[in-house]
């Protein structure tokens, strides 16, 4: 996915990130999504796809459950985004786990 770099796409991705984070706290009641943190959003060049990065700590079962919960809730969240953002086209949401911080903190130094 080629990422957009315009000012509009940057503003829209920041807005989507804030709204989805707020939805996870206030609107989504799925217990699998507790402690999921939205770390960023990247839009493609035509603003039709939003790749939403999230972080979560836990074992493989917890990570799989959270991924399933996000996939299950993405239609609901996209609908809420449509009502809150008041833009003509709401991008498709694709969730991807962001392991950057874990890789940086828990990476073993090269011997």
N, C-alpha and C. Protein backbone atom coordinates (compact mmCIF):
# COMPACT_ATOMS: atom_id res chain seq x y z
N UNK A 1 0.86 -1.18 0.00
CA UNK A 1 0.00 0.00 0.00
C UNK A 1 0.89 1.23 0.00
N UNK A 2 0.74 2.05 -1.00
CA UNK A 2 1.51 3.29 -1.07
C UNK A 2 0.86 4.32 -0.15
N UNK A 3 1.65 4.93 0.71
CA UNK A 3 1.11 5.85 1.70
C UNK A 3 1.03 7.27 1.16
N UNK A 4 -0.02 7.96 1.61
CA UNK A 4 -0.20 9.36 1.25
C UNK A 4 0.65 10.23 2.16
N UNK A 5 1.13 11.34 1.62
CA UNK A 5 1.98 12.23 2.41
C UNK A 5 1.47 13.66 2.43
N UNK A 6 0.28 13.91 1.95
CA UNK A 6 -0.23 15.27 1.93
C UNK A 6 -0.66 15.72 3.33
N UNK A 7 -0.83 17.02 3.47
CA UNK A 7 -1.27 17.56 4.74
C UNK A 7 -2.68 17.07 5.10
N UNK A 8 -3.53 16.95 4.08
CA UNK A 8 -4.90 16.49 4.31
C UNK A 8 -4.90 15.05 4.84
N UNK A 9 -4.07 14.19 4.24
CA UNK A 9 -4.03 12.80 4.69
C UNK A 9 -3.46 12.69 6.10
N UNK A 10 -2.51 13.53 6.43
CA UNK A 10 -1.93 13.53 7.77
C UNK A 10 -2.97 13.96 8.80
N UNK A 11 -3.72 15.01 8.49
CA UNK A 11 -4.77 15.46 9.41
C UNK A 11 -5.86 14.41 9.56
N UNK A 12 -6.26 13.80 8.43
CA UNK A 12 -7.31 12.79 8.48
C UNK A 12 -6.86 11.55 9.24
N UNK A 13 -5.62 11.13 9.07
CA UNK A 13 -5.14 9.95 9.79
C UNK A 13 -5.06 10.23 11.29
N UNK A 14 -4.64 11.42 11.68
CA UNK A 14 -4.62 11.78 13.10
C UNK A 14 -6.03 11.80 13.68
N UNK A 15 -6.97 12.32 12.92
CA UNK A 15 -8.36 12.38 13.37
C UNK A 15 -8.95 10.98 13.51
N UNK A 16 -8.68 10.12 12.55
CA UNK A 16 -9.16 8.74 12.61
C UNK A 16 -8.55 8.04 13.81
N UNK A 17 -7.27 8.25 14.06
CA UNK A 17 -6.60 7.62 15.20
C UNK A 17 -7.26 8.04 16.51
N UNK A 18 -7.51 9.33 16.68
CA UNK A 18 -8.14 9.81 17.91
C UNK A 18 -9.55 9.26 18.08
N UNK A 19 -10.32 9.24 17.00
CA UNK A 19 -11.70 8.77 17.07
C UNK A 19 -11.77 7.28 17.38
N UNK A 20 -10.92 6.47 16.76
CA UNK A 20 -10.94 5.03 17.02
C UNK A 20 -10.49 4.75 18.45
N UNK A 21 -9.49 5.47 18.93
CA UNK A 21 -9.06 5.30 20.32
C UNK A 21 -10.20 5.65 21.28
N UNK A 22 -10.92 6.70 20.98
CA UNK A 22 -12.05 7.09 21.83
C UNK A 22 -13.16 6.05 21.75
N UNK A 23 -13.40 5.49 20.57
CA UNK A 23 -14.42 4.44 20.43
C UNK A 23 -14.08 3.22 21.27
N UNK A 24 -12.80 2.84 21.28
CA UNK A 24 -12.40 1.67 22.06
C UNK A 24 -12.65 1.88 23.55
N UNK A 25 -12.54 3.11 24.00
CA UNK A 25 -12.75 3.40 25.41
C UNK A 25 -14.24 3.53 25.73
N UNK A 26 -15.00 4.22 24.87
CA UNK A 26 -16.38 4.58 25.21
C UNK A 26 -17.45 3.72 24.57
N UNK A 27 -17.26 3.27 23.33
CA UNK A 27 -18.36 2.67 22.59
C UNK A 27 -18.27 1.16 22.39
N UNK A 28 -17.08 0.64 22.22
CA UNK A 28 -16.91 -0.79 21.95
C UNK A 28 -16.86 -1.52 23.29
N UNK A 29 -17.74 -2.51 23.45
CA UNK A 29 -17.84 -3.21 24.73
C UNK A 29 -17.24 -4.61 24.69
N UNK A 30 -16.54 -4.95 23.64
CA UNK A 30 -15.95 -6.28 23.50
C UNK A 30 -14.81 -6.43 24.52
N UNK A 31 -14.87 -7.42 25.41
CA UNK A 31 -13.81 -7.58 26.40
C UNK A 31 -12.46 -7.98 25.80
N UNK A 32 -12.47 -8.50 24.59
CA UNK A 32 -11.20 -8.86 23.94
C UNK A 32 -10.37 -7.64 23.60
N UNK A 33 -11.00 -6.47 23.56
CA UNK A 33 -10.31 -5.25 23.14
C UNK A 33 -9.87 -4.37 24.31
N UNK A 34 -9.91 -4.90 25.51
CA UNK A 34 -9.40 -4.14 26.64
C UNK A 34 -7.89 -4.01 26.52
N UNK A 35 -7.39 -2.86 26.86
CA UNK A 35 -5.96 -2.53 26.82
C UNK A 35 -5.36 -2.50 25.42
N UNK A 36 -6.19 -2.45 24.40
CA UNK A 36 -5.69 -2.23 23.04
C UNK A 36 -5.44 -0.74 22.88
N UNK A 37 -4.26 -0.39 22.40
CA UNK A 37 -3.89 1.01 22.22
C UNK A 37 -3.64 1.27 20.75
N UNK A 38 -4.26 2.31 20.21
CA UNK A 38 -4.04 2.68 18.81
C UNK A 38 -2.76 3.51 18.75
N UNK A 39 -1.80 3.03 17.95
CA UNK A 39 -0.51 3.72 17.89
C UNK A 39 -0.32 4.55 16.62
N UNK A 40 -1.16 4.35 15.63
CA UNK A 40 -1.02 5.15 14.42
C UNK A 40 -2.00 4.72 13.35
N UNK A 41 -2.15 5.58 12.35
CA UNK A 41 -2.99 5.29 11.19
C UNK A 41 -2.24 5.75 9.95
N UNK A 42 -2.22 4.90 8.93
CA UNK A 42 -1.60 5.26 7.66
C UNK A 42 -2.65 5.12 6.56
N UNK A 43 -2.82 6.17 5.78
CA UNK A 43 -3.77 6.16 4.68
C UNK A 43 -3.05 5.92 3.36
N UNK A 44 -3.73 5.24 2.42
CA UNK A 44 -3.12 5.10 1.11
C UNK A 44 -3.32 6.38 0.31
N UNK A 45 -2.79 6.43 -0.91
CA UNK A 45 -2.75 7.69 -1.67
C UNK A 45 -4.12 8.24 -2.01
N UNK A 46 -5.12 7.38 -2.26
CA UNK A 46 -6.44 7.91 -2.59
C UNK A 46 -7.38 7.95 -1.38
N UNK A 47 -6.83 7.75 -0.18
CA UNK A 47 -7.55 7.86 1.09
C UNK A 47 -8.71 6.87 1.21
N UNK A 48 -8.62 5.73 0.51
CA UNK A 48 -9.70 4.74 0.56
C UNK A 48 -9.44 3.64 1.58
N UNK A 49 -8.20 3.48 2.01
CA UNK A 49 -7.84 2.44 2.97
C UNK A 49 -7.04 3.06 4.11
N UNK A 50 -7.47 2.78 5.33
CA UNK A 50 -6.74 3.25 6.51
C UNK A 50 -6.18 2.03 7.22
N UNK A 51 -4.87 1.95 7.29
CA UNK A 51 -4.22 0.88 8.04
C UNK A 51 -4.04 1.39 9.46
N UNK A 52 -4.74 0.74 10.40
CA UNK A 52 -4.75 1.17 11.80
C UNK A 52 -3.79 0.27 12.57
N UNK A 53 -2.77 0.86 13.17
CA UNK A 53 -1.78 0.12 13.93
C UNK A 53 -2.17 0.14 15.41
N UNK A 54 -2.08 -1.02 16.05
CA UNK A 54 -2.44 -1.11 17.46
C UNK A 54 -1.37 -1.88 18.22
N UNK A 55 -1.28 -1.61 19.50
CA UNK A 55 -0.34 -2.33 20.36
C UNK A 55 -1.13 -3.03 21.45
N UNK A 56 -0.58 -4.15 21.87
CA UNK A 56 -1.20 -4.94 22.92
C UNK A 56 -0.16 -5.91 23.44
N UNK A 57 -0.13 -6.08 24.74
CA UNK A 57 0.82 -7.00 25.35
C UNK A 57 0.07 -8.24 25.80
N UNK A 58 0.65 -9.40 25.58
CA UNK A 58 0.03 -10.63 26.04
C UNK A 58 0.56 -11.82 25.27
N UNK A 59 -0.01 -12.98 25.59
CA UNK A 59 0.42 -14.20 24.91
C UNK A 59 -0.26 -14.30 23.55
N UNK A 60 0.06 -15.36 22.82
CA UNK A 60 -0.44 -15.51 21.45
C UNK A 60 -1.96 -15.62 21.41
N UNK A 61 -2.56 -16.28 22.41
CA UNK A 61 -4.02 -16.41 22.44
C UNK A 61 -4.68 -15.04 22.64
N UNK A 62 -4.11 -14.23 23.51
CA UNK A 62 -4.65 -12.87 23.74
C UNK A 62 -4.53 -12.01 22.49
N UNK A 63 -3.40 -12.11 21.81
CA UNK A 63 -3.20 -11.33 20.59
C UNK A 63 -4.16 -11.77 19.48
N UNK A 64 -4.38 -13.07 19.36
CA UNK A 64 -5.31 -13.58 18.35
C UNK A 64 -6.75 -13.17 18.67
N UNK A 65 -7.11 -13.21 19.95
CA UNK A 65 -8.45 -12.80 20.35
C UNK A 65 -8.68 -11.32 20.06
N UNK A 66 -7.67 -10.49 20.34
CA UNK A 66 -7.81 -9.06 20.08
C UNK A 66 -7.91 -8.79 18.57
N UNK A 67 -7.13 -9.50 17.77
CA UNK A 67 -7.22 -9.33 16.31
C UNK A 67 -8.60 -9.72 15.81
N UNK A 68 -9.15 -10.81 16.35
CA UNK A 68 -10.51 -11.22 15.96
C UNK A 68 -11.55 -10.20 16.42
N UNK A 69 -11.36 -9.66 17.60
CA UNK A 69 -12.28 -8.63 18.10
C UNK A 69 -12.26 -7.37 17.26
N UNK A 70 -11.09 -6.96 16.83
CA UNK A 70 -10.99 -5.77 15.98
C UNK A 70 -11.63 -6.02 14.62
N UNK A 71 -11.41 -7.19 14.06
CA UNK A 71 -12.04 -7.53 12.78
C UNK A 71 -13.56 -7.54 12.91
N UNK A 72 -14.05 -8.05 14.03
CA UNK A 72 -15.49 -8.11 14.26
C UNK A 72 -16.09 -6.72 14.44
N UNK A 73 -15.35 -5.80 15.05
CA UNK A 73 -15.87 -4.47 15.37
C UNK A 73 -15.59 -3.43 14.28
N UNK A 74 -14.86 -3.78 13.23
CA UNK A 74 -14.45 -2.74 12.28
C UNK A 74 -15.62 -2.14 11.51
N UNK A 75 -16.67 -2.89 11.23
CA UNK A 75 -17.85 -2.33 10.57
C UNK A 75 -18.56 -1.32 11.45
N UNK A 76 -18.69 -1.67 12.73
CA UNK A 76 -19.31 -0.77 13.71
C UNK A 76 -18.50 0.52 13.83
N UNK A 77 -17.18 0.37 13.92
CA UNK A 77 -16.31 1.54 14.06
C UNK A 77 -16.34 2.40 12.81
N UNK A 78 -16.40 1.79 11.65
CA UNK A 78 -16.46 2.56 10.40
C UNK A 78 -17.77 3.36 10.33
N UNK A 79 -18.86 2.75 10.77
CA UNK A 79 -20.13 3.46 10.81
C UNK A 79 -20.10 4.66 11.74
N UNK A 80 -19.51 4.46 12.92
CA UNK A 80 -19.37 5.57 13.86
C UNK A 80 -18.46 6.66 13.30
N UNK A 81 -17.39 6.26 12.61
CA UNK A 81 -16.52 7.26 11.97
C UNK A 81 -17.31 8.09 10.97
N UNK A 82 -18.17 7.44 10.21
CA UNK A 82 -18.98 8.16 9.23
C UNK A 82 -19.87 9.21 9.86
N UNK A 83 -20.43 8.89 11.03
CA UNK A 83 -21.29 9.85 11.71
C UNK A 83 -20.49 10.96 12.38
N UNK A 84 -19.31 10.65 12.87
CA UNK A 84 -18.53 11.63 13.63
C UNK A 84 -17.70 12.55 12.74
N UNK A 85 -17.13 12.03 11.67
CA UNK A 85 -16.21 12.83 10.86
C UNK A 85 -16.91 13.69 9.81
N UNK A 86 -18.07 13.25 9.37
CA UNK A 86 -18.85 14.00 8.38
C UNK A 86 -18.03 14.28 7.11
N UNK A 87 -17.40 13.24 6.60
CA UNK A 87 -16.71 13.35 5.31
C UNK A 87 -17.43 12.43 4.33
N UNK A 88 -17.23 12.67 3.06
CA UNK A 88 -17.98 11.97 2.03
C UNK A 88 -17.67 10.47 1.99
N UNK A 89 -16.41 10.13 2.01
CA UNK A 89 -16.00 8.73 1.94
C UNK A 89 -15.21 8.37 3.18
N UNK A 90 -15.64 7.30 3.84
CA UNK A 90 -14.93 6.79 5.01
C UNK A 90 -14.01 5.67 4.53
N UNK A 91 -12.74 5.72 4.86
CA UNK A 91 -11.82 4.68 4.40
C UNK A 91 -12.12 3.32 5.02
N UNK A 92 -11.77 2.28 4.28
CA UNK A 92 -11.86 0.92 4.80
C UNK A 92 -10.81 0.77 5.90
N UNK A 93 -11.19 0.14 7.00
CA UNK A 93 -10.27 -0.02 8.13
C UNK A 93 -9.59 -1.39 8.05
N UNK A 94 -8.27 -1.37 8.14
CA UNK A 94 -7.49 -2.61 8.20
C UNK A 94 -6.60 -2.50 9.43
N UNK A 95 -6.72 -3.48 10.31
CA UNK A 95 -5.97 -3.45 11.57
C UNK A 95 -4.71 -4.28 11.46
N UNK A 96 -3.62 -3.73 11.98
CA UNK A 96 -2.34 -4.41 11.95
C UNK A 96 -1.64 -4.17 13.29
N UNK A 97 -1.14 -5.25 13.87
CA UNK A 97 -0.47 -5.13 15.16
C UNK A 97 0.88 -4.44 14.98
N UNK A 98 1.13 -3.48 15.83
CA UNK A 98 2.38 -2.72 15.80
C UNK A 98 3.30 -3.27 16.88
N UNK A 99 4.36 -3.92 16.45
CA UNK A 99 5.28 -4.52 17.43
C UNK A 99 6.59 -3.73 17.53
N UNK A 100 6.60 -2.52 17.03
CA UNK A 100 7.83 -1.72 17.02
C UNK A 100 8.40 -1.52 18.42
N UNK A 101 7.56 -1.10 19.36
CA UNK A 101 8.04 -0.83 20.71
C UNK A 101 8.54 -2.10 21.39
N UNK A 102 7.83 -3.20 21.22
CA UNK A 102 8.27 -4.46 21.80
C UNK A 102 9.60 -4.89 21.21
N UNK A 103 9.74 -4.72 19.91
CA UNK A 103 11.01 -5.08 19.26
C UNK A 103 12.16 -4.23 19.79
N UNK A 104 11.90 -2.96 20.04
CA UNK A 104 12.95 -2.08 20.53
C UNK A 104 13.31 -2.38 21.99
N UNK A 105 12.31 -2.66 22.81
CA UNK A 105 12.55 -2.87 24.23
C UNK A 105 13.12 -4.27 24.51
N UNK A 106 12.55 -5.27 23.85
CA UNK A 106 12.92 -6.65 24.17
C UNK A 106 13.93 -7.25 23.18
N UNK A 107 14.44 -6.46 22.28
CA UNK A 107 15.41 -6.99 21.31
C UNK A 107 16.70 -7.35 22.02
N UNK A 108 17.23 -8.47 21.64
CA UNK A 108 18.50 -8.89 22.22
C UNK A 108 19.63 -8.20 21.47
N UNK A 109 20.61 -7.70 22.19
CA UNK A 109 21.75 -7.08 21.49
C UNK A 109 22.53 -8.15 20.73
N UNK A 110 23.05 -7.76 19.60
CA UNK A 110 23.82 -8.70 18.79
C UNK A 110 25.13 -9.03 19.53
N UNK A 111 25.43 -10.29 19.52
CA UNK A 111 26.65 -10.73 20.22
C UNK A 111 27.82 -10.79 19.29
